[in-house]
Every structure is written in structure tokens, then in C-alpha cells.
């Protein structure tokens, strides 16, 4: 065997969504975030388009993200549509994280690859980041509030009109006594074998 499969399996099965409310104040070093990004870009992409783009918010950038998304929410949802709890999450969560990475899909101008395949490639890149964070013992949360799909988000990030922000990837060291446990349905529930 080329690699230690038991370690790889353990990392895959230990991957968890850990919300910013569970993070400590401990800062993640830039070099670790760069490791996450370097592993992200090794995701598969059809035609080698490498459609992923990253905007890393740290320090004062987290305040900018907090202000942007909470103000946009307030602008779009007024009266009975306004939900105080959603507003507070959009405002507070970036401030609880050590870093937030906005992950976007850059649409190939030639459009030689279907958009869904570009989105799938970016999702694989996000999974690579999540697994790397798990290996470091860092909590991660893939957030996708509806606001990220709006033109205002593209403008905020400075990305093209046909590009799409697909995730706000929150990172922080967990302030937990133990790493969360989970389970999955056995493969027999989700698999058909065709012989």
C-alpha cells in the first residue's frame, strides 16, 4: 500500500462541521491557512480549468465581512421578512472565527466545461480544505447563506458577474473538551451493485 490508509480513513471520518460559536480565541497561523489552500488546489477539475478562487478574511477583514453581510441582510429583508437571529449570525460569526475563506468558482470565459462541473470541482477543493483542517485539529464550517449568491457579493469580492461565491469557510480552533462524534447510514442503504 502506498499510503497509510487507516490515517486517511480516520481523517475522512473525523471531519465535522464545527460552528464559530465553538471556537476559542486562539489564532490560526497564516502558514496553516496556506497549507489548506495548497491542498485545495489539488482537487480534480475537468479540463484542468482550476476554477477555484479564494479571498481570505483575517483580523480587520473579519470586521469588513461582518459589516457587509449584516448590512446587506438588513437592506434586503425588512419588516416581517427580517429575522433578528439570522441577522445576528451574519454579524457575529465572522468575529468569532480566526479566519473566513470566501471560496468562489471562476467561470471559464470559453465555457468549454459545464458550469455544474466547475461547481463540483470547487466543492472538491472545499472538501480538501476541510480534511486538512481536520488533520490540524482546526474546526471548520462550510456556510452558504443565500446572500453569497447575490450580485452584491460578487461586487464585494471583486469577482466577475458569471463567477459564483460558493462558500464562506469559517476556521477556528475548537473550544471543546473532545472532538465531536457522528455516524452515517451503512453503504447498504445507499448503494446498488449492478453485475
Protein backbone atom coordinates (compact mmCIF):
# COMPACT_ATOMS: atom_id res chain seq x y z
CA UNK A 1 0.00 0.00 0.00
CA UNK A 2 1.36 3.42 -0.97
CA UNK A 3 -0.07 5.41 1.99
CA UNK A 4 -1.28 4.72 5.50
CA UNK A 5 -4.93 4.08 4.68
CA UNK A 6 -6.00 3.94 8.31
CA UNK A 7 -4.83 7.53 8.89
CA UNK A 8 -6.53 8.77 5.72
CA UNK A 9 -9.74 6.97 6.70
CA UNK A 10 -9.57 8.43 10.22
CA UNK A 11 -9.25 11.98 8.88
CA UNK A 12 -12.17 11.49 6.46
CA UNK A 13 -14.37 10.01 9.18
CA UNK A 14 -13.38 12.63 11.77
CA UNK A 15 -14.29 15.57 9.52
CA UNK A 16 -17.02 17.60 11.25
CA UNK A 17 -18.88 20.84 10.92
CA UNK A 18 -17.73 22.89 13.90
CA UNK A 19 -19.53 26.22 14.19
CA UNK A 20 -17.83 29.54 15.04
CA UNK A 21 -19.70 29.66 18.35
CA UNK A 22 -17.50 26.70 19.36
CA UNK A 23 -14.16 28.39 18.56
CA UNK A 24 -11.58 29.60 21.03
CA UNK A 25 -9.69 32.90 20.68
CA UNK A 26 -6.53 31.10 19.53
CA UNK A 27 -5.35 32.40 16.15
CA UNK A 28 -4.52 30.17 13.20
CA UNK A 29 -1.11 30.93 11.69
CA UNK A 30 -1.01 32.12 8.08
CA UNK A 31 1.18 29.14 7.12
CA UNK A 32 -1.55 26.71 8.16
CA UNK A 33 -4.16 28.58 6.10
CA UNK A 34 -1.73 28.44 3.17
CA UNK A 35 -1.49 24.64 3.67
CA UNK A 36 -5.29 24.41 3.44
CA UNK A 37 -5.25 26.45 0.22
CA UNK A 38 -2.36 24.48 -1.24
CA UNK A 39 -4.27 21.24 -0.67
CA UNK A 40 -7.47 22.80 -2.04
CA UNK A 41 -5.91 23.49 -5.43
CA UNK A 42 -5.11 19.79 -5.89
CA UNK A 43 -8.80 18.97 -6.29
CA UNK A 44 -9.81 17.44 -9.62
CA UNK A 45 -11.10 19.78 -12.33
CA UNK A 46 -12.38 18.77 -15.74
CA UNK A 47 -10.19 20.23 -18.48
CA UNK A 48 -7.80 21.42 -15.76
CA UNK A 49 -9.70 24.72 -15.60
CA UNK A 50 -8.86 25.05 -11.87
CA UNK A 51 -11.94 27.24 -11.27
CA UNK A 52 -11.41 27.90 -7.54
CA UNK A 53 -10.70 31.38 -6.20
CA UNK A 54 -10.09 32.33 -2.56
CA UNK A 55 -10.49 35.52 -0.51
CA UNK A 56 -9.05 35.08 2.99
CA UNK A 57 -10.50 37.31 5.72
CA UNK A 58 -8.49 37.70 8.92
CA UNK A 59 -8.11 40.39 11.59
CA UNK A 60 -9.81 43.60 10.33
CA UNK A 61 -11.04 41.73 7.26
CA UNK A 62 -13.39 39.76 9.50
CA UNK A 63 -14.99 43.02 10.62
CA UNK A 64 -15.44 44.05 6.96
CA UNK A 65 -17.13 40.73 6.17
CA UNK A 66 -19.34 41.04 9.26
CA UNK A 67 -20.44 44.56 8.30
CA UNK A 68 -21.01 43.67 4.65
CA UNK A 69 -23.21 40.64 5.17
CA UNK A 70 -25.21 42.01 8.10
CA UNK A 71 -25.89 45.32 6.30
CA UNK A 72 -26.84 43.54 3.08
CA UNK A 73 -29.23 41.30 5.01
CA UNK A 74 -30.79 44.34 6.70
CA UNK A 75 -31.17 46.06 3.32
CA UNK A 76 -32.79 43.04 1.62
CA UNK A 77 -35.05 41.78 4.39
CA UNK A 78 -37.21 44.36 6.06
CA UNK A 79 -40.38 44.31 8.10
CA UNK A 80 -41.81 40.82 8.62
CA UNK A 81 -39.07 39.28 6.44
CA UNK A 82 -36.35 40.45 8.84
CA UNK A 83 -35.15 37.70 11.18
CA UNK A 84 -33.14 39.02 14.13
CA UNK A 85 -31.46 35.66 14.73
CA UNK A 86 -30.22 35.37 11.11
CA UNK A 87 -29.02 38.96 11.20
CA UNK A 88 -27.06 38.36 14.41
CA UNK A 89 -25.44 35.20 13.00
CA UNK A 90 -24.33 37.05 9.87
CA UNK A 91 -22.92 39.87 12.01
CA UNK A 92 -21.31 37.85 14.80
CA UNK A 93 -19.99 34.67 13.23
CA UNK A 94 -17.10 36.24 11.29
CA UNK A 95 -15.95 37.92 14.51
CA UNK A 96 -15.83 34.54 16.30
CA UNK A 97 -13.58 32.94 13.66
CA UNK A 98 -9.82 33.12 13.31
CA UNK A 99 -10.28 33.27 9.53
CA UNK A 100 -13.02 33.03 6.93
CA UNK A 101 -12.25 32.00 3.37
CA UNK A 102 -14.73 33.03 0.68
CA UNK A 103 -14.46 30.28 -1.93
CA UNK A 104 -15.67 31.13 -5.42
CA UNK A 105 -15.98 29.49 -8.80
CA UNK A 106 -14.32 31.42 -11.61
CA UNK A 107 -16.30 30.73 -14.77
CA UNK A 108 -14.08 29.87 -17.73
CA UNK A 109 -14.77 32.61 -20.33
CA UNK A 110 -14.72 29.98 -23.11
CA UNK A 111 -17.32 27.94 -21.20
CA UNK A 112 -15.80 24.73 -22.54
CA UNK A 113 -16.75 22.96 -19.31
CA UNK A 114 -20.32 22.82 -17.98
CA UNK A 115 -20.91 25.14 -15.05
CA UNK A 116 -22.07 22.28 -12.82
CA UNK A 117 -18.70 20.58 -13.31
CA UNK A 118 -16.88 23.74 -12.29
CA UNK A 119 -19.05 23.94 -9.17
CA UNK A 120 -18.28 20.29 -8.40
CA UNK A 121 -14.55 20.98 -8.73
CA UNK A 122 -14.78 23.85 -6.25
CA UNK A 123 -16.74 21.62 -3.86
CA UNK A 124 -13.88 19.09 -4.03
CA UNK A 125 -11.42 21.89 -3.22
CA UNK A 126 -13.51 22.81 -0.17
CA UNK A 127 -13.51 19.16 0.95
CA UNK A 128 -9.70 19.13 0.65
CA UNK A 129 -9.56 22.21 2.91
CA UNK A 130 -11.94 20.62 5.39
CA UNK A 131 -9.90 17.42 5.59
CA UNK A 132 -6.67 19.39 6.02
CA UNK A 133 -8.28 21.45 8.80
CA UNK A 134 -9.34 18.20 10.49
CA UNK A 135 -5.77 16.88 10.33
CA UNK A 136 -4.61 20.08 12.08
CA UNK A 137 -7.35 19.82 14.73
CA UNK A 138 -8.96 23.00 13.42
CA UNK A 139 -12.71 23.45 13.41
CA UNK A 140 -14.28 24.31 10.06
CA UNK A 141 -17.75 25.29 8.91
CA UNK A 142 -18.88 25.49 5.27
CA UNK A 143 -21.53 28.22 5.34
CA UNK A 144 -23.65 29.08 2.33
CA UNK A 145 -26.13 31.79 3.30
CA UNK A 146 -28.30 32.89 0.36
CA UNK A 147 -26.54 36.26 0.36
CA UNK A 148 -23.39 34.75 -1.16
CA UNK A 149 -25.18 34.05 -4.44
CA UNK A 150 -26.18 37.67 -4.98
CA UNK A 151 -24.51 40.20 -7.31
CA UNK A 152 -23.62 42.32 -4.26
CA UNK A 153 -21.36 39.51 -3.06
CA UNK A 154 -19.58 39.38 -6.42
CA UNK A 155 -19.05 43.12 -6.19
CA UNK A 156 -17.80 42.88 -2.59
CA UNK A 157 -15.27 40.21 -3.59
CA UNK A 158 -14.38 41.87 -6.88
CA UNK A 159 -15.24 38.79 -8.93
CA UNK A 160 -16.83 38.66 -12.39
CA UNK A 161 -20.57 38.64 -12.99
CA UNK A 162 -20.55 34.99 -14.15
CA UNK A 163 -18.47 33.83 -11.18
CA UNK A 164 -20.18 32.46 -8.07
CA UNK A 165 -19.23 32.57 -4.42
CA UNK A 166 -19.98 29.03 -3.18
CA UNK A 167 -18.86 29.12 0.43
CA UNK A 168 -17.83 31.13 3.42
CA UNK A 169 -15.43 28.67 5.02
CA UNK A 170 -15.06 29.51 8.73
CA UNK A 171 -11.96 28.37 10.64
CA UNK A 172 -11.05 28.34 14.30
CA UNK A 173 -9.54 26.16 16.99
CA UNK A 174 -12.38 24.39 18.81
CA UNK A 175 -13.05 25.24 22.41
CA UNK A 176 -14.40 21.74 23.07
CA UNK A 177 -13.48 19.05 25.55
CA UNK A 178 -13.48 16.42 22.81
CA UNK A 179 -13.82 16.27 19.03
CA UNK A 180 -17.47 15.70 18.03
CA UNK A 181 -18.60 12.21 17.04
CA UNK A 182 -21.03 11.30 14.25
CA UNK A 183 -22.35 8.38 12.25
CA UNK A 184 -23.51 7.60 8.72
CA UNK A 185 -26.00 5.13 7.25
CA UNK A 186 -24.27 1.90 6.20
CA UNK A 187 -23.47 1.72 2.50
CA UNK A 188 -26.16 -0.95 2.05
CA UNK A 189 -28.78 1.82 2.38
CA UNK A 190 -27.32 3.98 -0.37
CA UNK A 191 -25.62 1.58 -2.80
CA UNK A 192 -26.80 -0.62 -5.67
CA UNK A 193 -24.43 -3.16 -7.18
CA UNK A 194 -25.03 -3.88 -10.86
CA UNK A 195 -23.27 -7.06 -12.04
